[in-house]
Amino acid sequence: MEFDKLISVSGYGSLFKIVSKTNFGLIAESLEDGKRMPVYQSYNVSTLSDISIYTTDGETSLKEVFLKIYEKESGAECAATKDAEIKAYFEGILPDYDKEKVYTSDIKKLLKWYNQLVKGKHLDPEELKKKDEEKKEDTEEKAEVVAEGGEKKVVKKEKTDPAKKKKVAAKTNKSAPKVTNAPAKKVQTVRKSGGS
C-alpha cells in the first residue's frame, strides 16, 4: 500500500485509506473497521508519507520507523501497551528520538497504526526499503565530472525540493511596474427639476 494513499485524520484514532476524491474533500475507509466516511476540506489530514518523527539530529520518516519495527517484530504486531514499556520499546527502535518533542501518546498512536497496517497486510517491507532507497538517492549530493580546459573537475550537484524552487522563483520574479493613481474624473449628475 502506498503511503500517499493512507491518511491520518485529526480526532480519529484509526488510519484511513483514500477511496475517492470529491468536490467537498475525500471519501476514506477506516483500516480498523472498514467503515467509510467523508473527510471534508476543513478536517486536519496528513498522509503517512508526510509524517516524520523528531530526532536529536533532525527527523526520521515514518516509513523508516515502521520498517525498523517490522524487522524487530519479524512481521508480527507489536505487543507493548503500558507507558513505561512503550517508551523502552521505542527507545530500542529509535534511540535518538527527541524525548521532549515526541510524547508517549504519539508513540502509542504510531504503534497502533503499525498494528493496523500489519493486521490488514498493508505493510510490505520490500516496498518500504525500495522507496526509502529512492528517497535517499534523490536527496544525496551527486558528483559529476566536467572537462574544463583539459582538466577534470568534480562539481557537486544537489537536487532541490520543489517547494524551495517556488520560494526561489518568487524571490527572483521582477516586481510589477508601479502604477500611479490618476486623479478621479468628476462625474456630473443631472438633477431633475421638481415642481409641485
Protein backbone atom coordinates (compact mmCIF):
# COMPACT_ATOMS: atom_id res chain seq x y z
CA MET A 1 0.00 0.00 0.00
CA GLU A 2 1.35 3.40 -0.94
CA PHE A 3 1.80 5.74 2.00
CA ASP A 4 0.44 8.61 -0.11
CA LYS A 5 -2.97 6.91 -0.08
CA LEU A 6 -3.04 6.34 3.68
CA ILE A 7 -4.12 9.25 5.85
CA SER A 8 -4.48 10.21 9.47
CA VAL A 9 -7.47 12.39 10.33
CA SER A 10 -7.19 14.50 13.47
CA GLY A 11 -9.65 13.34 16.13
CA TYR A 12 -9.82 9.76 14.81
CA GLY A 13 -7.52 7.02 16.13
CA SER A 14 -7.64 4.85 13.03
CA LEU A 15 -5.75 5.18 9.78
CA PHE A 16 -7.79 5.66 6.64
CA LYS A 17 -7.34 4.61 3.03
CA ILE A 18 -8.39 7.18 0.41
CA VAL A 19 -11.19 5.66 -1.66
CA SER A 20 -12.07 8.63 -3.86
CA LYS A 21 -11.87 12.39 -4.16
CA THR A 22 -14.96 14.57 -4.26
CA ASN A 23 -15.82 18.26 -4.57
CA PHE A 24 -16.03 18.61 -0.79
CA GLY A 25 -12.91 16.59 0.11
CA LEU A 26 -12.37 12.82 0.25
CA ILE A 27 -14.13 9.55 0.91
CA ALA A 28 -11.95 7.45 3.21
CA GLU A 29 -12.22 3.92 4.56
CA SER A 30 -11.05 3.04 8.07
CA LEU A 31 -8.38 0.34 8.26
CA GLU A 32 -9.73 -0.60 11.69
CA ASP A 33 -13.35 -1.42 10.91
CA GLY A 34 -13.73 -0.87 7.15
CA LYS A 35 -16.36 1.87 7.55
CA ARG A 36 -16.35 4.71 5.03
CA MET A 37 -16.72 8.36 5.92
CA PRO A 38 -16.50 11.74 4.23
CA VAL A 39 -13.37 13.74 5.02
CA TYR A 40 -14.17 17.40 4.49
CA GLN A 41 -11.63 20.05 3.48
CA SER A 42 -11.89 21.62 6.93
CA TYR A 43 -10.52 18.45 8.59
CA ASN A 44 -6.87 18.28 9.63
CA VAL A 45 -5.47 15.49 7.41
CA SER A 46 -1.92 14.15 6.99
CA THR A 47 -0.68 11.47 4.62
CA LEU A 48 1.65 8.92 6.18
CA SER A 49 4.40 9.87 3.73
CA ASP A 50 4.38 13.42 5.20
CA ILE A 51 4.73 12.33 8.84
CA SER A 52 8.16 12.25 10.48
CA ILE A 53 9.48 11.58 13.98
CA TYR A 54 11.68 14.21 15.62
CA THR A 55 15.19 13.03 16.44
CA THR A 56 18.16 14.79 18.01
CA ASP A 57 19.71 15.06 14.52
CA GLY A 58 16.56 16.21 12.70
CA GLU A 59 13.74 13.94 11.57
CA THR A 60 13.19 10.29 10.60
CA SER A 61 10.41 9.34 8.20
CA LEU A 62 7.56 7.18 9.44
CA LYS A 63 8.43 4.60 6.76
CA GLU A 64 11.87 4.09 8.30
CA VAL A 65 10.38 3.71 11.79
CA PHE A 66 7.77 1.19 10.58
CA LEU A 67 10.48 -0.77 8.78
CA LYS A 68 12.57 -0.95 11.98
CA ILE A 69 9.55 -2.12 13.99
CA TYR A 70 8.70 -4.68 11.29
CA GLU A 71 12.23 -6.08 11.37
CA LYS A 72 12.30 -6.20 15.18
CA GLU A 73 8.90 -7.94 15.37
CA SER A 74 9.63 -10.22 12.38
CA GLY A 75 6.46 -9.04 10.66
CA ALA A 76 4.20 -9.55 13.69
CA GLU A 77 2.15 -6.99 15.62
CA CYS A 78 3.73 -5.00 18.44
CA ALA A 79 2.55 -6.06 21.92
CA ALA A 80 3.83 -3.10 24.01
CA THR A 81 0.91 -1.41 25.82
CA LYS A 82 2.00 0.22 29.10
CA ASP A 83 3.59 3.69 29.10
CA ALA A 84 6.98 2.66 30.56
CA GLU A 85 7.04 -0.42 28.33
CA ILE A 86 6.21 1.68 25.25
CA LYS A 87 8.97 4.22 25.95
CA ALA A 88 11.59 1.49 26.48
CA TYR A 89 10.42 -0.34 23.35
CA PHE A 90 10.54 2.80 21.18
CA GLU A 91 13.95 3.73 22.52
CA GLY A 92 15.15 0.34 21.28
CA ILE A 93 13.71 1.11 17.84
CA LEU A 94 14.83 4.74 17.54
CA PRO A 95 17.37 5.53 20.29
CA ASP A 96 17.92 9.13 19.18
CA TYR A 97 14.25 10.20 19.16
CA ASP A 98 13.66 13.62 20.72
CA LYS A 99 12.17 12.88 24.15
CA GLU A 100 10.98 16.47 24.60
CA LYS A 101 9.03 16.68 21.33
CA VAL A 102 7.80 13.08 20.96
CA TYR A 103 5.24 12.24 23.65
CA THR A 104 4.12 8.83 24.88
CA SER A 105 0.72 9.46 23.25
CA ASP A 106 2.49 9.94 19.89
CA ILE A 107 4.34 6.64 20.29
CA LYS A 108 1.09 4.84 21.25
CA LYS A 109 -0.62 6.21 18.12
CA LEU A 110 2.35 5.21 15.96
CA LEU A 111 2.32 1.64 17.34
CA LYS A 112 -1.45 1.42 16.87
CA TRP A 113 -1.03 2.48 13.23
CA TYR A 114 1.73 -0.08 12.77
CA ASN A 115 -0.53 -2.83 14.17
CA GLN A 116 -3.37 -1.77 11.85
CA LEU A 117 -1.05 -1.92 8.83
CA VAL A 118 0.31 -5.35 9.78
CA LYS A 119 -3.12 -6.76 10.62
CA GLY A 120 -4.58 -5.54 7.31
CA LYS A 121 -1.47 -6.74 5.42
CA HIS A 122 -0.80 -3.21 4.13
CA LEU A 123 2.87 -3.19 5.14
CA ASP A 124 5.34 -4.54 2.59
CA PRO A 125 8.94 -4.30 3.87
CA GLU A 126 10.45 -4.69 0.38
CA GLU A 127 8.40 -1.75 -0.89
CA LEU A 128 9.41 0.34 2.14
CA LYS A 129 13.10 -0.46 1.58
CA LYS A 130 12.89 0.30 -2.12
CA LYS A 131 11.10 3.61 -1.69
CA ASP A 132 13.42 4.60 1.15
CA GLU A 133 16.48 3.94 -1.03
CA GLU A 134 14.98 6.01 -3.88
CA LYS A 135 14.35 8.88 -1.50
CA LYS A 136 17.93 8.75 -0.21
CA GLU A 137 19.26 8.83 -3.78
CA ASP A 138 17.16 11.89 -4.58
CA THR A 139 18.31 13.88 -1.56
CA GLU A 140 22.01 12.95 -1.56
CA GLU A 141 24.51 15.18 -3.24
CA LYS A 142 25.66 13.74 -6.54
CA ALA A 143 29.05 14.47 -8.08
CA GLU A 144 29.68 14.68 -11.80
CA VAL A 145 32.93 15.04 -13.69
CA VAL A 146 33.22 18.02 -16.03
CA ALA A 147 36.03 18.57 -18.51
CA GLU A 148 37.22 22.17 -18.28
CA GLY A 149 40.27 23.23 -20.29
CA GLY A 150 41.63 19.69 -20.35
CA GLU A 151 41.40 19.36 -16.56
CA LYS A 152 38.80 17.27 -14.84
CA LYS A 153 36.93 18.91 -12.06
CA VAL A 154 34.36 17.50 -9.65
CA VAL A 155 31.21 19.58 -9.33
CA LYS A 156 28.65 18.75 -6.68
CA LYS A 157 25.02 19.00 -7.63
CA GLU A 158 22.15 18.82 -5.19
CA LYS A 159 18.57 18.15 -6.13
CA THR A 160 16.34 20.83 -4.78
CA ASP A 161 12.96 20.45 -3.22
CA PRO A 162 10.09 21.73 -5.47
CA ALA A 163 8.85 23.87 -2.57
CA LYS A 164 12.29 25.53 -2.38
CA LYS A 165 12.18 26.15 -6.12
CA LYS A 166 8.92 28.02 -5.68
CA LYS A 167 10.45 30.17 -2.93
CA VAL A 168 13.47 30.93 -5.10
CA ALA A 169 11.27 31.67 -8.09
CA ALA A 170 9.15 34.02 -6.01
CA LYS A 171 12.25 35.95 -4.96
CA THR A 172 13.64 36.26 -8.49
CA ASN A 173 10.43 37.44 -10.18
CA LYS A 174 10.61 41.06 -11.25
CA SER A 175 8.22 43.31 -9.46
CA ALA A 176 5.39 44.77 -11.47
CA PRO A 177 5.79 48.40 -12.55
CA LYS A 178 4.27 50.86 -10.15
CA VAL A 179 1.01 52.43 -11.22
CA THR A 180 0.36 55.95 -10.06
CA ASN A 181 -3.16 56.89 -9.27
CA ALA A 182 -4.61 59.36 -11.72
CA PRO A 183 -6.99 61.98 -10.34
CA ALA A 184 -10.56 60.80 -10.44
CA LYS A 185 -12.75 62.34 -13.10
CA LYS A 186 -15.66 64.35 -11.91
CA VAL A 187 -18.96 62.99 -12.97
CA GLN A 188 -21.78 65.43 -13.39
CA THR A 189 -25.21 64.29 -12.46
CA VAL A 190 -28.32 65.75 -13.96
CA ARG A 191 -30.88 66.82 -11.45
CA LYS A 192 -34.47 66.77 -12.30
CA SER A 193 -36.18 69.95 -11.51
CA GLY A 194 -39.04 69.22 -9.38
CA GLY A 195 -42.10 71.27 -9.06
CA SER A 196 -45.24 70.85 -7.16
